[in-house]
Every structure is written in structure tokens, then in C-alpha cells.
Amino acid sequence: MAIEEIHSLGAPPPFKIAFVAYTLPEYAVYHFAEHYAEKFGIVAKVLVSIRDAKDWLGVREDLRALPRRDELIDASPSRARSRSLVNT
């Protein structure tokens, strides 16, 4: 599992990872991973927008440059994939 790999690579604490879920099944899986990460000292959080994830991780940039969620969703397969953001 990816959480175990992150831990085995020696990510320095406090290591934070944000999962961005666009669908309900993704949310359920990421919610499990959020709690599983606690076993390894990784702080994880499931969010529903990249903007919220960047804010939670403390990534600072011009928020006006970020697309709104409705701008990200279309029928193309490349847009349908979920994203996870990582910050150490």
C-alpha cells in the first residue's frame, strides 16, 4: 500500500498528505487510507477540492489562479482521475 511505502522511505514527521476525492467511492477509499496512515505517524486528510487541500497543507499561492471545481470536471478521462497532494 502507498502509505506503507511512504513510511518505509523515511518521510520525516510530521508528514502530511491530502487526498482529493471527486466521487463517493474515492471518498470511501481515501477515508480508509486517512485512518490507516495514523498507524505510521502520517497525518492524512480527505478533502473535496484541490484548493482546500493546498490550504490544509499550507501551500501558499495565488488562489485566484486555481481553477474552480466545476472547471475541473468534464467528461474526459484525464479529468476524471483523482489527485493526491503531498507535503512534508
PDB file of N, CA and C in Angstrom:
ATOM      1  N   MET A   1       0.842  -1.176   0.000  1.00  0.00           N
ATOM      2  CA  MET A   1       0.000   0.000   0.000  1.00  0.00           C
ATOM      3  C   MET A   1       0.888   1.241   0.000  1.00  0.00           C
ATOM      4  N   ALA A   2       0.434   2.293  -0.627  1.00  0.00           N
ATOM      5  CA  ALA A   2       1.230   3.517  -0.777  1.00  0.00           C
ATOM      6  C   ALA A   2       1.610   4.134   0.565  1.00  0.00           C
ATOM      7  N   ILE A   3       0.725   4.075   1.537  1.00  0.00           N
ATOM      8  CA  ILE A   3       1.017   4.635   2.859  1.00  0.00           C
ATOM      9  C   ILE A   3       2.231   3.928   3.465  1.00  0.00           C
ATOM     10  N   GLU A   4       2.279   2.615   3.333  1.00  0.00           N
ATOM     11  CA  GLU A   4       3.412   1.851   3.852  1.00  0.00           C
ATOM     12  C   GLU A   4       4.703   2.220   3.130  1.00  0.00           C
ATOM     13  N   GLU A   5       4.621   2.437   1.826  1.00  0.00           N
ATOM     14  CA  GLU A   5       5.799   2.822   1.047  1.00  0.00           C
ATOM     15  C   GLU A   5       6.305   4.196   1.468  1.00  0.00           C
ATOM     16  N   ILE A   6       5.408   5.124   1.675  1.00  0.00           N
ATOM     17  CA  ILE A   6       5.808   6.461   2.136  1.00  0.00           C
ATOM     18  C   ILE A   6       6.532   6.347   3.467  1.00  0.00           C
ATOM     19  N   HIS A   7       5.979   5.546   4.352  1.00  0.00           N
ATOM     20  CA  HIS A   7       6.597   5.350   5.666  1.00  0.00           C
ATOM     21  C   HIS A   7       7.972   4.695   5.538  1.00  0.00           C
ATOM     22  N   SER A   8       8.075   3.680   4.693  1.00  0.00           N
ATOM     23  CA  SER A   8       9.351   2.961   4.553  1.00  0.00           C
ATOM     24  C   SER A   8      10.439   3.829   3.924  1.00  0.00           C
ATOM     25  N   LEU A   9      10.046   4.836   3.164  1.00  0.00           N
ATOM     26  CA  LEU A   9      11.030   5.741   2.578  1.00  0.00           C
ATOM     27  C   LEU A   9      11.584   6.726   3.593  1.00  0.00           C
ATOM     28  N   GLY A  10      10.981   6.739   4.785  1.00  0.00           N
ATOM     29  CA  GLY A  10      11.501   7.580   5.844  1.00  0.00           C
ATOM     30  C   GLY A  10      11.023   9.017   5.794  1.00  0.00           C
ATOM     31  N   ALA A  11       9.792   9.208   5.403  1.00  0.00           N
ATOM     32  CA  ALA A  11       9.237  10.562   5.374  1.00  0.00           C
ATOM     33  C   ALA A  11       9.332  11.164   6.776  1.00  0.00           C
ATOM     34  N   PRO A  12       9.923  12.350   6.888  1.00  0.00           N
ATOM     35  CA  PRO A  12      10.123  12.944   8.220  1.00  0.00           C
ATOM     36  C   PRO A  12       8.814  13.419   8.839  1.00  0.00           C
ATOM     37  N   PRO A  13       8.631  13.155  10.122  1.00  0.00           N
ATOM     38  CA  PRO A  13       7.424  13.640  10.787  1.00  0.00           C
ATOM     39  C   PRO A  13       7.541  15.146  11.042  1.00  0.00           C
ATOM     40  N   PRO A  14       6.505  15.894  11.088  1.00  0.00           N
ATOM     41  CA  PRO A  14       5.152  15.437  10.779  1.00  0.00           C
ATOM     42  C   PRO A  14       4.931  15.457   9.270  1.00  0.00           C
ATOM     43  N   PHE A  15       4.644  14.323   8.717  1.00  0.00           N
ATOM     44  CA  PHE A  15       4.388  14.188   7.280  1.00  0.00           C
ATOM     45  C   PHE A  15       2.889  14.283   7.057  1.00  0.00           C
ATOM     46  N   LYS A  16       2.493  15.129   6.111  1.00  0.00           N
ATOM     47  CA  LYS A  16       1.070  15.327   5.828  1.00  0.00           C
ATOM     48  C   LYS A  16       0.774  14.972   4.376  1.00  0.00           C
ATOM     49  N   ILE A  17      -0.373  14.341   4.183  1.00  0.00           N
ATOM     50  CA  ILE A  17      -0.830  14.043   2.829  1.00  0.00           C
ATOM     51  C   ILE A  17      -2.319  14.356   2.751  1.00  0.00           C
ATOM     52  N   ALA A  18      -2.698  14.959   1.655  1.00  0.00           N
ATOM     53  CA  ALA A  18      -4.106  15.283   1.430  1.00  0.00           C
ATOM     54  C   ALA A  18      -4.611  14.474   0.242  1.00  0.00           C
ATOM     55  N   PHE A  19      -5.749  13.852   0.420  1.00  0.00           N
ATOM     56  CA  PHE A  19      -6.398  13.115  -0.658  1.00  0.00           C
ATOM     57  C   PHE A  19      -7.579  13.938  -1.138  1.00  0.00           C
ATOM     58  N   VAL A  20      -7.666  14.136  -2.454  1.00  0.00           N
ATOM     59  CA  VAL A  20      -8.777  14.885  -3.026  1.00  0.00           C
ATOM     60  C   VAL A  20      -9.694  13.901  -3.740  1.00  0.00           C
ATOM     61  N   ALA A  21     -10.898  13.763  -3.220  1.00  0.00           N
ATOM     62  CA  ALA A  21     -11.861  12.796  -3.751  1.00  0.00           C
ATOM     63  C   ALA A  21     -12.925  13.525  -4.577  1.00  0.00           C
ATOM     64  N   TYR A  22     -13.140  13.045  -5.780  1.00  0.00           N
ATOM     65  CA  TYR A  22     -14.149  13.633  -6.649  1.00  0.00           C
ATOM     66  C   TYR A  22     -15.430  12.809  -6.721  1.00  0.00           C
ATOM     67  N   THR A  23     -15.363  11.547  -6.264  1.00  0.00           N
ATOM     68  CA  THR A  23     -16.547  10.698  -6.291  1.00  0.00           C
ATOM     69  C   THR A  23     -16.717  10.020  -4.940  1.00  0.00           C
ATOM     70  N   LEU A  24     -17.911   9.526  -4.680  1.00  0.00           N
ATOM     71  CA  LEU A  24     -18.188   8.872  -3.415  1.00  0.00           C
ATOM     72  C   LEU A  24     -17.324   7.622  -3.201  1.00  0.00           C
ATOM     73  N   PRO A  25     -17.127   6.755  -4.204  1.00  0.00           N
ATOM     74  CA  PRO A  25     -16.238   5.600  -3.981  1.00  0.00           C
ATOM     75  C   PRO A  25     -14.807   6.019  -3.634  1.00  0.00           C
ATOM     76  N   GLU A  26     -14.299   7.055  -4.279  1.00  0.00           N
ATOM     77  CA  GLU A  26     -12.966   7.553  -3.938  1.00  0.00           C
ATOM     78  C   GLU A  26     -12.938   8.038  -2.495  1.00  0.00           C
ATOM     79  N   TYR A  27     -13.991   8.731  -2.095  1.00  0.00           N
ATOM     80  CA  TYR A  27     -14.049   9.251  -0.740  1.00  0.00           C
ATOM     81  C   TYR A  27     -13.967   8.111   0.270  1.00  0.00           C
ATOM     82  N   ALA A  28     -14.669   7.031   0.012  1.00  0.00           N
ATOM     83  CA  ALA A  28     -14.666   5.893   0.933  1.00  0.00           C
ATOM     84  C   ALA A  28     -13.272   5.278   1.044  1.00  0.00           C
ATOM     85  N   VAL A  29     -12.597   5.109  -0.068  1.00  0.00           N
ATOM     86  CA  VAL A  29     -11.249   4.533  -0.064  1.00  0.00           C
ATOM     87  C   VAL A  29     -10.275   5.474   0.635  1.00  0.00           C
ATOM     88  N   TYR A  30     -10.340   6.758   0.318  1.00  0.00           N
ATOM     89  CA  TYR A  30      -9.434   7.722   0.927  1.00  0.00           C
ATOM     90  C   TYR A  30      -9.710   7.873   2.425  1.00  0.00           C
ATOM     91  N   HIS A  31     -10.952   7.741   2.810  1.00  0.00           N
ATOM     92  CA  HIS A  31     -11.292   7.812   4.232  1.00  0.00           C
ATOM     93  C   HIS A  31     -10.625   6.657   4.984  1.00  0.00           C
ATOM     94  N   PHE A  32     -10.621   5.472   4.376  1.00  0.00           N
ATOM     95  CA  PHE A  32      -9.910   4.332   4.966  1.00  0.00           C
ATOM     96  C   PHE A  32      -8.414   4.641   5.062  1.00  0.00           C
ATOM     97  N   ALA A  33      -7.834   5.166   3.979  1.00  0.00           N
ATOM     98  CA  ALA A  33      -6.400   5.480   3.961  1.00  0.00           C
ATOM     99  C   ALA A  33      -6.060   6.559   4.984  1.00  0.00           C
ATOM    100  N   GLU A  34      -6.982   7.482   5.189  1.00  0.00           N
ATOM    101  CA  GLU A  34      -6.774   8.546   6.176  1.00  0.00           C
ATOM    102  C   GLU A  34      -6.537   7.943   7.567  1.00  0.00           C
ATOM    103  N   HIS A  35      -7.351   6.980   7.938  1.00  0.00           N
ATOM    104  CA  HIS A  35      -7.206   6.345   9.248  1.00  0.00           C
ATOM    105  C   HIS A  35      -6.039   5.355   9.277  1.00  0.00           C
ATOM    106  N   TYR A  36      -5.778   4.705   8.166  1.00  0.00           N
ATOM    107  CA  TYR A  36      -4.658   3.760   8.083  1.00  0.00           C
ATOM    108  C   TYR A  36      -3.325   4.487   8.254  1.00  0.00           C
ATOM    109  N   ALA A  37      -3.230   5.687   7.735  1.00  0.00           N
ATOM    110  CA  ALA A  37      -1.998   6.470   7.815  1.00  0.00           C
ATOM    111  C   ALA A  37      -1.599   6.768   9.249  1.00  0.00           C
ATOM    112  N   GLU A  38      -2.576   6.870  10.135  1.00  0.00           N
ATOM    113  CA  GLU A  38      -2.289   7.146  11.549  1.00  0.00           C
ATOM    114  C   GLU A  38      -1.370   6.091  12.153  1.00  0.00           C
ATOM    115  N   LYS A  39      -1.470   4.842  11.696  1.00  0.00           N
ATOM    116  CA  LYS A  39      -0.626   3.758  12.207  1.00  0.00           C
ATOM    117  C   LYS A  39       0.855   4.032  11.963  1.00  0.00           C
ATOM    118  N   PHE A  40       1.141   4.842  10.942  1.00  0.00           N
ATOM    119  CA  PHE A  40       2.519   5.110  10.543  1.00  0.00           C
ATOM    120  C   PHE A  40       2.964   6.522  10.888  1.00  0.00           C
ATOM    121  N   GLY A  41       2.177   7.211  11.660  1.00  0.00           N
ATOM    122  CA  GLY A  41       2.537   8.573  12.042  1.00  0.00           C
ATOM    123  C   GLY A  41       2.372   9.594  10.940  1.00  0.00           C
ATOM    124  N   ILE A  42       1.587   9.255   9.950  1.00  0.00           N
ATOM    125  CA  ILE A  42       1.329  10.164   8.834  1.00  0.00           C
ATOM    126  C   ILE A  42      -0.018  10.837   9.074  1.00  0.00           C
ATOM    127  N   VAL A  43      -0.033  12.149   8.945  1.00  0.00           N
ATOM    128  CA  VAL A  43      -1.274  12.905   9.118  1.00  0.00           C
ATOM    129  C   VAL A  43      -1.927  13.023   7.745  1.00  0.00           C
ATOM    130  N   ALA A  44      -3.114  12.448   7.600  1.00  0.00           N
ATOM    131  CA  ALA A  44      -3.815  12.449   6.319  1.00  0.00           C
ATOM    132  C   ALA A  44      -5.191  13.077   6.478  1.00  0.00           C
ATOM    133  N   LYS A  45      -5.670  13.646   5.393  1.00  0.00           N
ATOM    134  CA  LYS A  45      -6.997  14.251   5.421  1.00  0.00           C
ATOM    135  C   LYS A  45      -7.626  14.098   4.038  1.00  0.00           C
ATOM    136  N   VAL A  46      -8.919  13.786   4.030  1.00  0.00           N
ATOM    137  CA  VAL A  46      -9.673  13.683   2.780  1.00  0.00           C
ATOM    138  C   VAL A  46     -10.421  14.986   2.569  1.00  0.00           C
ATOM    139  N   LEU A  47     -10.252  15.553   1.393  1.00  0.00           N
ATOM    140  CA  LEU A  47     -10.903  16.812   1.048  1.00  0.00           C
ATOM    141  C   LEU A  47     -11.568  16.679  -0.319  1.00  0.00           C
ATOM    142  N   VAL A  48     -12.383  17.644  -0.669  1.00  0.00           N
ATOM    143  CA  VAL A  48     -13.108  17.548  -1.938  1.00  0.00           C
ATOM    144  C   VAL A  48     -12.666  18.586  -2.970  1.00  0.00           C
ATOM    145  N   SER A  49     -11.635  19.362  -2.655  1.00  0.00           N
ATOM    146  CA  SER A  49     -11.125  20.295  -3.654  1.00  0.00           C
ATOM    147  C   SER A  49      -9.623  20.474  -3.494  1.00  0.00           C
ATOM    148  N   ILE A  50      -8.966  20.740  -4.591  1.00  0.00           N
ATOM    149  CA  ILE A  50      -7.531  20.985  -4.573  1.00  0.00           C
ATOM    150  C   ILE A  50      -7.238  22.237  -3.761  1.00  0.00           C
ATOM    151  N   ARG A  51      -8.089  23.218  -3.879  1.00  0.00           N
ATOM    152  CA  ARG A  51      -7.913  24.463  -3.127  1.00  0.00           C
ATOM    153  C   ARG A  51      -7.905  24.182  -1.623  1.00  0.00           C
ATOM    154  N   ASP A  52      -8.856  23.375  -1.143  1.00  0.00           N
ATOM    155  CA  ASP A  52      -8.899  23.027   0.285  1.00  0.00           C
ATOM    156  C   ASP A  52      -7.659  22.231   0.694  1.00  0.00           C
ATOM    157  N   ALA A  53      -7.223  21.324  -0.169  1.00  0.00           N
ATOM    158  CA  ALA A  53      -6.046  20.518   0.129  1.00  0.00           C
ATOM    159  C   ALA A  53      -4.796  21.386   0.246  1.00  0.00           C
ATOM    160  N   LYS A  54      -4.625  22.297  -0.687  1.00  0.00           N
ATOM    161  CA  LYS A  54      -3.457  23.177  -0.630  1.00  0.00           C
ATOM    162  C   LYS A  54      -3.500  24.063   0.601  1.00  0.00           C
ATOM    163  N   ASP A  55      -4.684  24.516   0.965  1.00  0.00           N
ATOM    164  CA  ASP A  55      -4.821  25.335   2.161  1.00  0.00           C
ATOM    165  C   ASP A  55      -4.467  24.517   3.404  1.00  0.00           C
ATOM    166  N   TRP A  56      -4.974  23.293   3.494  1.00  0.00           N
ATOM    167  CA  TRP A  56      -4.705  22.441   4.645  1.00  0.00           C
ATOM    168  C   TRP A  56      -3.218  22.088   4.740  1.00  0.00           C
ATOM    169  N   LEU A  57      -2.582  21.864   3.595  1.00  0.00           N
ATOM    170  CA  LEU A  57      -1.162  21.524   3.585  1.00  0.00           C
ATOM    171  C   LEU A  57      -0.271  22.739   3.829  1.00  0.00           C
ATOM    172  N   GLY A  58      -0.838  23.919   3.699  1.00  0.00           N
ATOM    173  CA  GLY A  58      -0.047  25.128   3.897  1.00  0.00           C
ATOM    174  C   GLY A  58       0.685  25.572   2.653  1.00  0.00           C
ATOM    175  N   VAL A  59       0.247  25.109   1.503  1.00  0.00           N
ATOM    176  CA  VAL A  59       0.843  25.533   0.243  1.00  0.00           C
ATOM    177  C   VAL A  59       0.253  26.890  -0.102  1.00  0.00           C
ATOM    178  N   ARG A  60       1.099  27.885  -0.194  1.00  0.00           N
ATOM    179  CA  ARG A  60       0.624  29.241  -0.453  1.00  0.00           C
ATOM    180  C   ARG A  60       0.882  29.615  -1.907  1.00  0.00           C
ATOM    181  N   GLU A  61      -0.147  30.050  -2.553  1.00  0.00           N
ATOM    182  CA  GLU A  61      -0.026  30.576  -3.912  1.00  0.00           C
ATOM    183  C   GLU A  61      -1.235  31.445  -4.174  1.00  0.00           C
ATOM    184  N   ASP A  62      -1.232  32.089  -5.291  1.00  0.00           N
ATOM    185  CA  ASP A  62      -2.340  32.961  -5.636  1.00  0.00           C
ATOM    186  C   ASP A  62      -3.571  32.108  -5.915  1.00  0.00           C
ATOM    187  N   LEU A  63      -4.535  32.128  -4.994  1.00  0.00           N
ATOM    188  CA  LEU A  63      -5.721  31.281  -5.131  1.00  0.00           C
ATOM    189  C   LEU A  63      -6.577  31.659  -6.328  1.00  0.00           C
ATOM    190  N   ARG A  64      -6.443  32.866  -6.801  1.00  0.00           N
ATOM    191  CA  ARG A  64      -7.214  33.257  -7.996  1.00  0.00           C
ATOM    192  C   ARG A  64      -6.770  32.485  -9.218  1.00  0.00           C
ATOM    193  N   ALA A  65      -5.537  31.966  -9.205  1.00  0.00           N
ATOM    194  CA  ALA A  65      -5.016  31.217 -10.348  1.00  0.00           C
ATOM    195  C   ALA A  65      -5.531  29.776 -10.370  1.00  0.00           C
ATOM    196  N   LEU A  66      -6.061  29.286  -9.238  1.00  0.00           N
ATOM    197  CA  LEU A  66      -6.564  27.917  -9.191  1.00  0.00           C
ATOM    198  C   LEU A  66      -7.933  27.822  -9.854  1.00  0.00           C
ATOM    199  N   PRO A  67      -8.158  26.769 -10.632  1.00  0.00           N
ATOM    200  CA  PRO A  67      -9.482  26.598 -11.226  1.00  0.00           C
ATOM    201  C   PRO A  67     -10.514  26.221 -10.170  1.00  0.00           C
ATOM    202  N   ARG A  68     -11.748  26.621 -10.402  1.00  0.00           N
ATOM    203  CA  ARG A  68     -12.832  26.191  -9.530  1.00  0.00           C
ATOM    204  C   ARG A  68     -13.118  24.721  -9.812  1.00  0.00           C
ATOM    205  N   ARG A  69     -13.744  24.046  -8.849  1.00  0.00           N
ATOM    206  CA  ARG A  69     -14.022  22.621  -9.009  1.00  0.00           C
ATOM    207  C   ARG A  69     -14.870  22.356 -10.244  1.00  0.00           C
ATOM    208  N   ASP A  70     -15.857  23.189 -10.514  1.00  0.00           N
ATOM    209  CA  ASP A  70     -16.717  22.961 -11.679  1.00  0.00           C
ATOM    210  C   ASP A  70     -15.950  23.134 -12.981  1.00  0.00           C
ATOM    211  N   GLU A  71     -14.826  23.825 -12.951  1.00  0.00           N
ATOM    212  CA  GLU A  71     -13.996  23.952 -14.145  1.00  0.00           C
ATOM    213  C   GLU A  71     -13.152  22.705 -14.368  1.00  0.00           C
ATOM    214  N   LEU A  72     -12.919  21.927 -13.314  1.00  0.00           N
ATOM    215  CA  LEU A  72     -12.101  20.720 -13.420  1.00  0.00           C
ATOM    216  C   LEU A  72     -12.879  19.518 -13.938  1.00  0.00           C
ATOM    217  N   ILE A  73     -14.177  19.516 -13.718  1.00  0.00           N
ATOM    218  CA  ILE A  73     -14.980  18.341 -14.042  1.00  0.00           C
ATOM    219  C   ILE A  73     -15.496  18.432 -15.472  1.00  0.00           C
ATOM    220  N   ASP A  74     -15.117  17.468 -16.274  1.00  0.00           N
ATOM    221  CA  ASP A  74     -15.677  17.308 -17.611  1.00  0.00           C
ATOM    222  C   ASP A  74     -15.682  15.825 -17.938  1.00  0.00           C
ATOM    223  N   ALA A  75     -15.998  15.474 -19.145  1.00  0.00           N
ATOM    224  CA  ALA A  75     -16.154  14.062 -19.498  1.00  0.00           C
ATOM    225  C   ALA A  75     -14.836  13.386 -19.854  1.00  0.00           C
ATOM    226  N   SER A  76     -13.747  14.111 -19.962  1.00  0.00           N
ATOM    227  CA  SER A  76     -12.500  13.490 -20.387  1.00  0.00           C
ATOM    228  C   SER A  76     -11.920  12.615 -19.280  1.00  0.00           C
ATOM    229  N   PRO A  77     -11.376  11.454 -19.650  1.00  0.00           N
ATOM    230  CA  PRO A  77     -10.812  10.538 -18.653  1.00  0.00           C
ATOM    231  C   PRO A  77      -9.681  11.167 -17.849  1.00  0.00           C
ATOM    232  N   SER A  78      -8.899  12.040 -18.475  1.00  0.00           N
ATOM    233  CA  SER A  78      -7.787  12.646 -17.741  1.00  0.00           C
ATOM    234  C   SER A  78      -8.278  13.532 -16.612  1.00  0.00           C
ATOM    235  N   ARG A  79      -9.457  14.115 -16.753  1.00  0.00           N
ATOM    236  CA  ARG A  79     -10.015  14.962 -15.704  1.00  0.00           C
ATOM    237  C   ARG A  79     -10.734  14.147 -14.639  1.00  0.00           C
ATOM    238  N   ALA A  80     -11.138  12.935 -14.978  1.00  0.00           N
ATOM    239  CA  ALA A  80     -11.919  12.123 -14.049  1.00  0.00           C
ATOM    240  C   ALA A  80     -11.050  11.499 -12.962  1.00  0.00           C
ATOM    241  N   ARG A  81      -9.735  11.439 -13.188  1.00  0.00           N
ATOM    242  CA  ARG A  81      -8.860  10.839 -12.192  1.00  0.00           C
ATOM    243  C   ARG A  81      -8.770  11.722 -10.952  1.00  0.00           C
ATOM    244  N   SER A  82      -8.618  11.069  -9.827  1.00  0.00           N
ATOM    245  CA  SER A  82      -8.474  11.819  -8.575  1.00  0.00           C
ATOM    246  C   SER A  82      -7.021  12.233  -8.415  1.00  0.00           C
ATOM    247  N   ARG A  83      -6.791  13.090  -7.456  1.00  0.00           N
ATOM    248  CA  ARG A  83      -5.438  13.553  -7.196  1.00  0.00           C
ATOM    249  C   ARG A  83      -5.135  13.440  -5.716  1.00  0.00           C
ATOM    250  N   SER A  84      -3.893  13.265  -5.415  1.00  0.00           N
ATOM    251  CA  SER A  84      -3.482  13.381  -4.021  1.00  0.00           C
ATOM    252  C   SER A  84      -2.314  14.346  -3.977  1.00  0.00           C
ATOM    253  N   LEU A  85      -2.310  15.157  -2.978  1.00  0.00           N
ATOM    254  CA  LEU A  85      -1.255  16.155  -2.810  1.00  0.00           C
ATOM    255  C   LEU A  85      -0.444  15.763  -1.592  1.00  0.00           C
ATOM    256  N   VAL A  86       0.859  15.931  -1.690  1.00  0.00           N
ATOM    257  CA  VAL A  86       1.733  15.542  -0.600  1.00  0.00           C
ATOM    258  C   VAL A  86       2.555  16.736  -0.183  1.00  0.00           C
ATOM    259  N   ASN A  87       2.769  16.878   1.123  1.00  0.00           N
ATOM    260  CA  ASN A  87       3.605  17.948   1.660  1.00  0.00           C
ATOM    261  C   ASN A  87       4.363  17.413   2.853  1.00  0.00           C
ATOM    262  N   THR A  88       5.650  17.690   2.916  1.00  0.00           N
ATOM    263  CA  THR A  88       6.431  17.297   4.091  1.00  0.00           C
ATOM    264  C   THR A  88       6.758  18.496   4.912  1.00  0.00           C
TER     265      THR A  88
END
